[in-house]
Amino acid sequence: MFQAAAKTLSSASTSSVSRGISSSLRHYCEKRLRVSEALSGTDLGTNVKVQGWVRSVRPQKTNLFLHVNDGSSLQSLQVVAGSELNDPSLTFGSAVEVTGILKKSPRQTQPVELEAEQIHVVGKCNPLDFPFKIKDRHSLEYIRQFPHLRCRTNAFSSLLRIRSEATAAIHSYFKENGFLQIHTPIITSNDCEGAGELFQVEPSGPEHEEDENYFSVPAFLTVSGQLHLEVMSGAFSRVYTFGPTFRAENSQSRRHLAEFYMVEAEVSFTQSLEDLTKVMEGMFRSATEHVLARCAEDVDLFHKHVTPGHRGTVEAMMKRRFPVITYSEAIDILNSSSETFVFPTTWGCDLQTEHEKYLVKHCGNTPVFVTDYPYDLKPFYARDNLDGPKHTAAAVDLLVPGVGELCGGSLREERLDLLSARLEAVGLEETYSWYLDLRRFGSVPHGGFGLGFDRFLQCVLGVDNIKDVIPFPRFSHSCPL
């Protein structure tokens, strides 16, 4: 039956009766393509079906021109049809299903076009009410007002394709370098960072009204998967996780969200921060190269129209090795500058965003590692350098252009006596008794880091506000949808 239908269609396509093929046979033989597949030109001369949303409509006296996009590429597919196929409901934003013959376009600006035989409007769209207009170039700030619709715009659809490819690139990097992926929990009883900025988890509903604690202990949305990764690093030498994390920060800054994505890794049998910086830099370079190669058109949209000139910054970053300076050297650089900082810089202070961005510029506007922070600035798990008057921890941050801190990591304190003493000093020895057990049973020197995935996208694309690189931003006083 298949062969018979194919022979019938083949012979009919070369004769004048091609228009007489039954609609059922045409439907039977047509090939459904995504827009990106159609644009590749590998199916020229084929009867195809394309489904998507109308990006432009241009009716003429005898012809109708549409541009249809389904999110698979930035470029849309031009559809050419006779004016008899025009329909009042065929408007900008409407969803359509188009069948016809894929042909080489006579115009150099587009490789192929679809000569339509049928156009079916699947979903209508009133262009008067639709917040995006055909000829307008909307800013990221404007489209942010419509979280349920902004994926229909060129800029945000490009961002989502880039985000998807960057996610795949990071997983690929870790897999190729022998890391095991761990699904760390979203709900936890631990505050890894010790800052207390936690969302507590409580059940709702009448059946839980008498429950004091659903889990018998206070439970929270995770701020980091690090401690769970450390558990796994006692059995696997290289582990990582990639998922959402949560901070109850009352911040309206351009760098912070209440829910964001973190890439975290832990490496066993290491006694050097250099082992960690190699992984950080390798992952950054690998993911960036992948995005620039696989999403060239989408990245160009940002670098040309959203953040013009940023391409040069990215290219410069990729050409140089990332320099390394100590925290003490960073403070000396800041104190020697002619810059007027809002926050004064003295040894022992925490570096603010303004300090981080200045250090990046001072080092040639390229990513820079800052190591050996004051011991008192770092959490209980950071390894003590035991280094005299300027007491430091074996910790490292990666600072990048336009963002500031992108990665934060440290060697972990594997020495039971030192770790136990520090936990006791802050009254957490009982809470983290299980963490001390990790040091009692086959502990090894190890370290790890976390990378803010959304900030990584900001860095590569030059996007100023972190709310514009995540599909549904959550921050204080804002949780639509």
Protein backbone atom coordinates (compact mmCIF):
# COMPACT_ATOMS: atom_id res chain seq x y z
CA MET A 1 0.00 0.00 0.00
CA PHE A 2 2.85 2.39 0.90
CA GLN A 3 4.69 1.63 -2.34
CA ALA A 4 1.55 2.01 -4.40
CA ALA A 5 0.80 5.40 -2.89
CA ALA A 6 4.37 6.57 -3.45
CA LYS A 7 4.33 5.46 -7.12
CA THR A 8 1.01 7.20 -7.70
CA LEU A 9 2.28 10.44 -6.18
CA SER A 10 5.58 10.27 -8.11
CA SER A 11 3.88 9.89 -11.46
CA ALA A 12 1.27 12.51 -10.65
CA SER A 13 3.91 15.09 -9.70
CA THR A 14 5.24 15.05 -13.28
CA SER A 15 1.85 15.40 -14.94
CA SER A 16 -0.89 17.94 -15.17
CA VAL A 17 -3.08 15.91 -12.83
CA SER A 18 -0.89 16.64 -9.79
CA ARG A 19 -3.57 18.96 -8.44
CA GLY A 20 -6.02 16.13 -8.71
CA ILE A 21 -4.36 13.89 -6.18
CA SER A 22 -6.85 13.10 -3.48
CA SER A 23 -6.45 15.08 -0.26
CA SER A 24 -6.21 11.85 1.72
CA LEU A 25 -3.29 10.61 -0.40
CA ARG A 26 -1.49 13.97 -0.13
CA HIS A 27 -1.92 13.89 3.64
CA TYR A 28 -0.68 10.33 3.64
CA CYS A 29 2.53 11.16 1.81
CA GLU A 30 3.42 14.62 3.07
CA LYS A 31 6.39 14.97 5.38
CA ARG A 32 6.09 17.02 8.54
CA LEU A 33 9.12 19.26 9.08
CA ARG A 34 10.28 21.71 11.67
CA VAL A 35 11.15 25.14 10.28
CA SER A 36 14.87 24.56 10.84
CA GLU A 37 14.66 21.31 8.87
CA ALA A 38 12.79 22.99 6.04
CA LEU A 39 15.37 25.79 5.87
CA SER A 40 18.19 23.27 5.54
CA GLY A 41 17.02 22.61 1.97
CA THR A 42 17.41 18.84 2.15
CA ASP A 43 13.76 18.24 1.25
CA LEU A 44 13.42 20.45 -1.83
CA GLY A 45 10.66 19.30 -4.14
CA THR A 46 8.92 17.40 -1.38
CA ASN A 47 5.34 17.75 -0.25
CA VAL A 48 5.65 18.87 3.38
CA LYS A 49 3.68 20.12 6.34
CA VAL A 50 4.98 22.91 8.58
CA GLN A 51 3.34 24.01 11.82
CA GLY A 52 4.12 27.20 13.69
CA TRP A 53 3.18 30.78 14.43
CA VAL A 54 2.87 33.65 11.97
CA ARG A 55 5.60 36.28 12.34
CA SER A 56 4.47 38.45 9.42
CA VAL A 57 1.62 38.62 6.88
CA ARG A 58 1.86 40.42 3.53
CA PRO A 59 -1.21 40.03 1.32
CA GLN A 60 -1.03 41.23 -2.29
CA LYS A 61 -3.48 41.29 -5.16
CA THR A 62 -2.63 37.83 -6.48
CA ASN A 63 -0.27 36.43 -3.84
CA LEU A 64 0.02 36.00 -0.10
CA PHE A 65 3.34 35.97 1.77
CA LEU A 66 3.76 34.68 5.32
CA HIS A 67 6.70 34.11 7.60
CA VAL A 68 6.18 31.13 9.90
CA ASN A 69 8.32 30.19 12.89
CA ASP A 70 8.09 27.23 15.28
CA GLY A 71 10.94 28.11 17.65
CA SER A 72 13.44 25.71 16.09
CA SER A 73 15.49 28.57 14.59
CA LEU A 74 15.73 32.33 14.63
CA GLN A 75 15.05 32.50 10.90
CA SER A 76 11.44 32.02 9.79
CA LEU A 77 10.23 30.10 6.74
CA GLN A 78 8.64 32.13 3.96
CA VAL A 79 5.33 30.76 2.75
CA VAL A 80 4.06 31.80 -0.69
CA ALA A 81 0.41 31.22 -1.53
CA GLY A 82 -2.29 32.38 -3.89
CA SER A 83 -4.51 35.17 -2.65
CA GLU A 84 -7.43 32.73 -2.49
CA LEU A 85 -5.83 31.18 0.59
CA ASN A 86 -5.94 34.46 2.51
CA ASP A 87 -8.21 34.44 5.54
CA PRO A 88 -9.23 37.22 7.98
CA SER A 89 -8.03 35.06 10.89
CA LEU A 90 -4.57 34.74 9.32
CA THR A 91 -2.86 37.41 11.44
CA PHE A 92 0.42 38.11 13.18
CA GLY A 93 0.68 35.72 16.15
CA SER A 94 -1.84 33.18 14.89
CA ALA A 95 -0.93 29.48 14.88
CA VAL A 96 -1.04 27.80 11.47
CA GLU A 97 -0.52 24.51 9.71
CA VAL A 98 0.74 24.85 6.13
CA THR A 99 1.08 22.10 3.53
CA GLY A 100 2.70 22.46 0.14
CA ILE A 101 5.85 21.98 -1.93
CA LEU A 102 9.22 23.06 -0.57
CA LYS A 103 11.10 24.95 -3.30
CA LYS A 104 14.31 26.89 -3.76
CA SER A 105 13.64 30.57 -3.29
CA PRO A 106 14.44 33.00 -6.10
CA ARG A 107 15.55 35.53 -3.47
CA GLN A 108 19.11 35.39 -2.12
CA THR A 109 17.97 36.47 1.35
CA GLN A 110 16.32 33.10 1.96
CA PRO A 111 17.39 29.63 0.83
CA VAL A 112 13.96 28.03 0.42
CA GLU A 113 10.28 28.83 0.49
CA LEU A 114 7.11 26.82 0.89
CA GLU A 115 4.61 27.02 -1.96
CA ALA A 116 1.41 26.53 -0.03
CA GLU A 117 -1.49 24.36 -1.18
CA GLN A 118 -3.37 24.58 2.10
CA ILE A 119 -3.20 26.95 5.08
CA HIS A 120 -5.15 26.02 8.18
CA VAL A 121 -5.43 28.48 11.08
CA VAL A 122 -5.13 26.36 14.22
CA GLY A 123 -5.25 29.18 16.77
CA LYS A 124 -6.46 32.74 16.20
CA CYS A 125 -4.68 35.82 17.55
CA ASN A 126 -6.18 39.30 17.73
CA PRO A 127 -3.30 41.59 16.68
CA LEU A 128 -4.94 44.59 18.37
CA ASP A 129 -4.75 42.94 21.78
CA PHE A 130 -1.44 41.13 21.27
CA PRO A 131 1.25 43.09 23.19
CA PHE A 132 3.93 42.57 20.53
CA LYS A 133 3.76 44.25 17.13
CA ILE A 134 5.26 43.15 13.81
CA LYS A 135 7.41 46.19 13.13
CA ASP A 136 8.39 47.08 16.71
CA ARG A 137 11.71 46.03 18.28
CA HIS A 138 10.75 45.51 21.90
CA SER A 139 13.25 45.95 24.73
CA LEU A 140 13.99 43.19 27.22
CA GLU A 141 12.44 45.38 29.92
CA TYR A 142 9.21 45.66 27.94
CA ILE A 143 8.78 41.99 27.16
CA ARG A 144 9.59 41.11 30.81
CA GLN A 145 6.09 42.43 31.62
CA PHE A 146 4.60 39.45 29.77
CA PRO A 147 6.22 36.28 31.17
CA HIS A 148 3.47 34.16 29.62
CA LEU A 149 4.04 35.58 26.12
CA ARG A 150 7.64 36.74 25.84
CA CYS A 151 8.81 33.40 24.40
CA ARG A 152 7.03 34.54 21.20
CA THR A 153 9.60 37.29 20.63
CA ASN A 154 12.81 36.84 18.65
CA ALA A 155 15.09 37.90 21.50
CA PHE A 156 13.63 35.60 24.11
CA SER A 157 13.24 32.61 21.81
CA SER A 158 16.93 33.05 20.97
CA LEU A 159 17.75 33.21 24.68
CA LEU A 160 15.89 29.96 25.34
CA ARG A 161 17.68 28.12 22.53
CA ILE A 162 21.01 29.40 23.86
CA ARG A 163 20.07 28.36 27.39
CA SER A 164 19.19 24.87 26.19
CA GLU A 165 22.48 24.46 24.31
CA ALA A 166 24.49 25.83 27.25
CA THR A 167 22.81 23.28 29.53
CA ALA A 168 23.73 20.47 27.16
CA ALA A 169 27.30 21.78 26.87
CA ILE A 170 27.83 21.74 30.62
CA HIS A 171 26.52 18.19 30.96
CA SER A 172 28.76 17.18 28.06
CA TYR A 173 31.83 18.76 29.65
CA PHE A 174 31.35 16.88 32.90
CA LYS A 175 30.61 13.60 31.18
CA GLU A 176 33.71 13.87 29.00
CA ASN A 177 35.83 14.58 32.09
CA GLY A 178 34.66 11.63 34.14
CA PHE A 179 32.16 13.30 36.48
CA LEU A 180 29.12 11.43 37.76
CA GLN A 181 25.87 13.39 37.83
CA ILE A 182 24.06 13.35 41.16
CA HIS A 183 20.46 14.46 41.66
CA THR A 184 20.76 16.33 44.94
CA PRO A 185 17.51 17.04 46.86
CA ILE A 186 15.46 20.19 46.51
CA ILE A 187 14.08 19.80 50.05
CA THR A 188 16.73 19.69 52.76
CA SER A 189 17.21 20.17 56.49
CA ASN A 190 20.61 21.83 56.05
CA ASP A 191 21.60 25.45 55.55
CA CYS A 192 24.78 24.98 53.53
CA GLU A 193 25.71 28.66 53.35
CA GLY A 194 24.89 29.44 56.97
CA ALA A 195 23.34 32.77 56.02
CA GLY A 196 19.83 31.86 57.15
CA GLU A 197 18.23 33.05 53.89
CA LEU A 198 15.98 30.01 53.55
CA PHE A 199 12.49 29.23 52.32
CA GLN A 200 10.89 26.92 54.85
CA VAL A 201 8.74 24.09 53.49
CA GLU A 202 5.37 23.58 55.17
CA PRO A 203 2.43 21.44 54.00
CA SER A 204 -0.93 23.08 53.41
CA GLY A 205 -4.48 21.76 53.64
CA PRO A 206 -6.82 20.86 56.51
CA GLU A 207 -5.29 17.39 56.95
CA HIS A 208 -2.00 19.04 57.96
CA GLU A 209 -3.34 21.64 60.38
CA GLU A 210 -2.22 19.64 63.40
CA ASP A 211 1.20 18.76 61.93
CA GLU A 212 4.01 20.55 63.71
CA ASN A 213 6.56 19.38 61.16
CA TYR A 214 5.77 17.24 58.14
CA PHE A 215 9.33 15.88 58.10
CA SER A 216 9.62 15.85 61.92
CA VAL A 217 12.39 18.44 61.51
CA PRO A 218 12.36 21.89 59.91
CA ALA A 219 12.80 21.54 56.14
CA PHE A 220 13.83 24.11 53.56
CA LEU A 221 14.29 24.63 49.83
CA THR A 222 17.95 24.02 49.11
CA VAL A 223 20.44 26.87 48.86
CA SER A 224 23.11 24.51 47.54
CA GLY A 225 23.68 20.85 46.75
CA GLN A 226 27.27 21.03 48.01
CA LEU A 227 26.91 19.08 51.27
CA HIS A 228 25.08 16.25 49.51
CA LEU A 229 27.79 16.21 46.84
CA GLU A 230 30.37 15.92 49.61
CA VAL A 231 28.57 12.79 50.79
CA MET A 232 28.92 11.34 47.30
CA SER A 233 32.57 12.40 47.02
CA GLY A 234 33.29 9.81 49.69
CA ALA A 235 32.57 7.08 47.13
CA PHE A 236 33.08 8.76 43.74
CA SER A 237 36.12 10.85 42.90
CA ARG A 238 34.28 13.32 40.64
CA VAL A 239 30.62 14.31 41.02
CA TYR A 240 28.42 17.22 39.95
CA THR A 241 24.85 18.44 40.09
CA PHE A 242 22.89 20.96 38.04
CA GLY A 243 19.56 22.22 39.28
CA PRO A 244 17.50 24.95 40.94
CA THR A 245 18.54 26.55 44.21
CA PHE A 246 16.71 29.07 46.37
CA ARG A 247 17.65 32.11 48.45
CA ALA A 248 15.17 34.17 50.47
CA GLU A 249 17.06 37.39 49.78
CA ASN A 250 15.02 40.57 49.83
CA SER A 251 16.97 41.87 46.85
CA GLN A 252 15.89 43.80 43.79
CA SER A 253 19.35 43.80 42.21
CA ARG A 254 20.17 42.89 38.61
CA ARG A 255 22.28 39.92 39.80
CA HIS A 256 20.04 38.13 42.29
CA LEU A 257 16.97 35.92 42.12
CA ALA A 258 15.02 33.93 44.70
CA GLU A 259 15.19 30.87 42.41
CA PHE A 260 18.13 30.29 40.10
CA TYR A 261 20.16 27.47 38.60
CA MET A 262 23.49 26.28 39.96
CA VAL A 263 26.16 24.01 38.56
CA GLU A 264 28.12 22.43 41.42
CA ALA A 265 31.03 20.02 41.35
CA GLU A 266 33.15 18.18 43.90
CA VAL A 267 36.58 16.65 43.28
CA SER A 268 38.19 14.12 45.64
CA PHE A 269 41.89 13.51 46.24
CA THR A 270 42.91 17.10 45.63
CA GLN A 271 45.01 19.39 47.81
CA SER A 272 45.34 22.32 45.45
CA LEU A 273 43.04 25.17 44.46
CA GLU A 274 44.63 24.89 41.03
CA ASP A 275 42.80 21.59 40.53
CA LEU A 276 39.52 23.44 41.02
CA THR A 277 40.40 26.45 38.89
CA LYS A 278 41.30 24.13 36.00
CA VAL A 279 37.81 22.60 36.12
CA MET A 280 36.13 26.02 36.42
CA GLU A 281 38.05 27.49 33.51
CA GLY A 282 37.67 24.35 31.40
CA MET A 283 33.92 24.27 31.92
CA PHE A 284 33.55 28.00 31.19
CA ARG A 285 35.56 27.78 27.98
CA SER A 286 33.94 24.56 26.79
CA ALA A 287 30.38 25.80 27.35
CA THR A 288 31.10 29.20 25.79
CA GLU A 289 32.72 27.70 22.69
CA HIS A 290 29.78 25.31 22.30
CA VAL A 291 27.23 28.14 22.52
CA LEU A 292 29.13 30.37 20.08
CA ALA A 293 29.39 27.51 17.58
CA ARG A 294 25.94 25.97 17.89
CA CYS A 295 23.91 29.15 18.43
CA ALA A 296 25.82 31.61 16.23
CA GLU A 297 22.72 33.28 14.79
CA ASP A 298 21.00 33.59 18.16
CA VAL A 299 24.13 34.94 19.89
CA ASP A 300 24.62 37.44 17.04
CA LEU A 301 21.12 38.80 17.67
CA PHE A 302 22.16 39.72 21.20
CA HIS A 303 25.61 41.01 20.30
CA LYS A 304 24.28 43.16 17.46
CA HIS A 305 20.93 44.43 18.71
CA VAL A 306 20.69 43.90 22.49
CA THR A 307 24.28 44.32 23.70
CA PRO A 308 26.21 45.82 20.76
CA GLY A 309 29.97 45.51 21.08
CA HIS A 310 29.91 42.68 23.60
CA ARG A 311 31.16 40.14 21.07
CA GLY A 312 34.63 41.68 21.33
CA THR A 313 34.61 41.19 25.10
CA VAL A 314 33.72 37.52 24.73
CA GLU A 315 36.37 36.91 22.08
CA ALA A 316 39.01 38.58 24.27
CA MET A 317 38.01 36.38 27.22
CA MET A 318 38.46 33.24 25.17
CA LYS A 319 41.95 34.19 23.92
CA ARG A 320 43.65 34.64 27.31
CA ARG A 321 44.30 32.34 30.22
CA PHE A 322 42.46 33.48 33.33
CA PRO A 323 44.92 35.23 35.71
CA VAL A 324 45.08 34.34 39.42
CA ILE A 325 45.54 36.84 42.24
CA THR A 326 45.21 36.45 46.00
CA TYR A 327 42.65 38.32 48.07
CA SER A 328 45.51 40.29 49.66
CA GLU A 329 46.73 41.34 46.21
CA ALA A 330 43.18 42.29 45.27
CA ILE A 331 42.88 44.56 48.31
CA ASP A 332 46.20 46.21 47.43
CA ILE A 333 44.95 46.83 43.86
CA LEU A 334 41.71 48.36 45.15
CA ASN A 335 43.46 50.51 47.74
CA SER A 336 45.89 51.81 45.10
CA SER A 337 43.19 52.77 42.61
CA SER A 338 41.86 56.27 42.04
CA GLU A 339 38.32 54.89 41.98
CA THR A 340 35.87 56.13 44.60
CA PHE A 341 34.06 53.09 45.94
CA VAL A 342 30.78 53.17 47.81
CA PHE A 343 32.14 50.47 50.13
CA PRO A 344 35.62 51.10 51.58
CA THR A 345 38.27 48.42 51.08
CA THR A 346 40.33 47.17 53.99
CA TRP A 347 41.85 43.75 54.54
CA GLY A 348 39.11 41.51 55.93
CA CYS A 349 36.20 43.18 54.12
CA ASP A 350 33.97 41.18 51.82
CA LEU A 351 34.37 42.15 48.17
CA GLN A 352 31.33 43.94 46.78
CA THR A 353 30.15 43.91 43.17
CA GLU A 354 31.83 47.27 42.50
CA HIS A 355 35.14 45.84 43.74
CA GLU A 356 34.77 42.66 41.67
CA LYS A 357 34.05 44.58 38.46
CA TYR A 358 37.02 46.88 39.04
CA LEU A 359 39.36 43.93 39.53
CA VAL A 360 38.12 42.39 36.26
CA LYS A 361 38.85 45.63 34.37
CA HIS A 362 42.23 45.98 36.09
CA CYS A 363 43.17 42.50 34.86
CA GLY A 364 42.37 43.33 31.22
CA ASN A 365 38.59 42.85 31.24
CA THR A 366 39.02 39.10 31.37
CA PRO A 367 37.88 36.54 33.97
CA VAL A 368 40.14 36.48 37.03
CA PHE A 369 40.48 34.06 39.95
CA VAL A 370 40.79 35.54 43.44
CA THR A 371 42.12 33.07 46.04
CA ASP A 372 42.82 32.76 49.77
CA TYR A 373 40.08 34.84 51.34
CA PRO A 374 40.02 35.80 55.03
CA TYR A 375 39.10 32.75 57.07
CA ASP A 376 36.29 34.51 58.92
CA LEU A 377 34.51 35.40 55.64
CA LYS A 378 34.09 31.78 54.60
CA PRO A 379 31.67 29.06 55.82
CA PHE A 380 32.65 26.36 58.30
CA TYR A 381 33.61 23.85 55.59
CA ALA A 382 36.38 25.96 53.97
CA ARG A 383 39.88 24.59 54.61
CA ASP A 384 42.03 26.56 57.05
CA ASN A 385 45.34 27.68 55.52
CA LEU A 386 46.87 28.01 59.03
CA ASP A 387 48.91 30.92 57.75
CA GLY A 388 49.77 33.35 60.48
CA PRO A 389 48.51 36.89 61.17
CA LYS A 390 46.43 37.18 58.00
CA HIS A 391 44.37 34.10 58.67
CA THR A 392 43.01 32.82 55.34
CA ALA A 393 41.02 29.92 53.92
CA ALA A 394 41.74 27.95 50.76
CA ALA A 395 38.84 29.52 48.90
CA VAL A 396 38.53 30.87 45.36
CA ASP A 397 36.08 33.02 43.38
CA LEU A 398 35.95 33.49 39.61
CA LEU A 399 35.10 37.06 38.66
CA VAL A 400 33.93 37.80 35.11
CA PRO A 401 33.20 40.92 33.01
CA GLY A 402 29.84 42.59 33.48
CA VAL A 403 28.77 40.30 36.31
CA GLY A 404 31.39 40.06 39.03
CA GLU A 405 31.35 36.79 40.93
CA LEU A 406 30.41 33.83 38.74
CA CYS A 407 31.92 30.89 40.66
CA GLY A 408 32.70 30.36 44.31
CA GLY A 409 34.60 27.38 45.69
CA SER A 410 37.07 26.07 48.21
CA LEU A 411 39.04 23.14 49.41
CA ARG A 412 36.97 21.47 52.12
CA GLU A 413 38.25 21.03 55.64
CA GLU A 414 38.99 17.30 55.79
CA ARG A 415 40.83 17.42 59.15
CA LEU A 416 38.40 16.17 61.76
CA ASP A 417 39.87 18.04 64.72
CA LEU A 418 39.82 21.43 62.98
CA LEU A 419 36.35 20.95 61.53
CA SER A 420 34.94 19.74 64.83
CA ALA A 421 36.43 22.70 66.69
CA ARG A 422 34.94 25.20 64.23
CA LEU A 423 31.47 23.62 64.34
CA GLU A 424 31.61 23.57 68.12
CA ALA A 425 32.58 27.25 68.18
CA VAL A 426 29.42 28.19 66.25
CA GLY A 427 27.16 25.73 68.06
CA LEU A 428 26.56 23.43 65.09
CA GLU A 429 28.48 20.30 66.11
CA GLU A 430 25.31 18.29 66.85
CA THR A 431 23.47 19.51 63.76
CA TYR A 432 26.34 18.48 61.51
CA SER A 433 27.35 15.30 63.32
CA TRP A 434 26.75 13.39 60.07
CA TYR A 435 29.14 15.77 58.30
CA LEU A 436 31.81 14.94 60.87
CA ASP A 437 31.18 11.26 60.19
CA LEU A 438 32.33 11.83 56.63
CA ARG A 439 35.73 12.76 58.10
CA ARG A 440 35.79 9.70 60.37
CA PHE A 441 35.22 7.09 57.69
CA GLY A 442 37.67 7.21 54.80
CA SER A 443 37.94 10.97 54.39
CA VAL A 444 40.21 12.37 51.69
CA PRO A 445 41.31 15.89 50.76
CA HIS A 446 38.66 17.29 48.42
CA GLY A 447 37.18 20.52 47.14
CA GLY A 448 34.47 21.92 44.96
CA PHE A 449 32.68 24.96 43.59
CA GLY A 450 29.37 26.32 42.42
CA LEU A 451 28.67 28.31 39.23
CA GLY A 452 25.62 30.51 38.77
CA PHE A 453 24.26 29.29 35.45
CA ASP A 454 22.07 32.34 34.87
CA ARG A 455 25.03 34.64 35.51
CA PHE A 456 27.04 32.62 33.02
CA LEU A 457 24.44 33.47 30.36
CA GLN A 458 24.59 37.13 31.40
CA CYS A 459 28.36 37.07 30.93
CA VAL A 460 28.34 35.46 27.49
CA LEU A 461 25.46 37.53 26.09
CA GLY A 462 26.18 40.78 27.89
CA VAL A 463 22.67 40.94 29.36
CA ASP A 464 22.52 43.44 32.21
CA ASN A 465 19.59 42.00 34.19
CA ILE A 466 19.50 38.38 35.36
CA LYS A 467 15.70 38.41 35.05
CA ASP A 468 16.15 38.43 31.27
CA VAL A 469 18.06 35.14 31.02
CA ILE A 470 15.68 32.83 32.90
CA PRO A 471 12.25 31.72 31.65
CA PHE A 472 10.26 32.61 34.77
CA PRO A 473 12.18 34.90 37.16
CA ARG A 474 11.30 34.70 40.87
CA PHE A 475 12.32 37.51 43.19
CA SER A 476 10.94 39.33 46.22
CA HIS A 477 7.36 40.53 45.71
CA SER A 478 7.15 38.85 42.30
CA CYS A 479 5.97 35.33 41.52
CA PRO A 480 3.55 35.46 38.57
CA LEU A 481 2.19 32.29 36.98
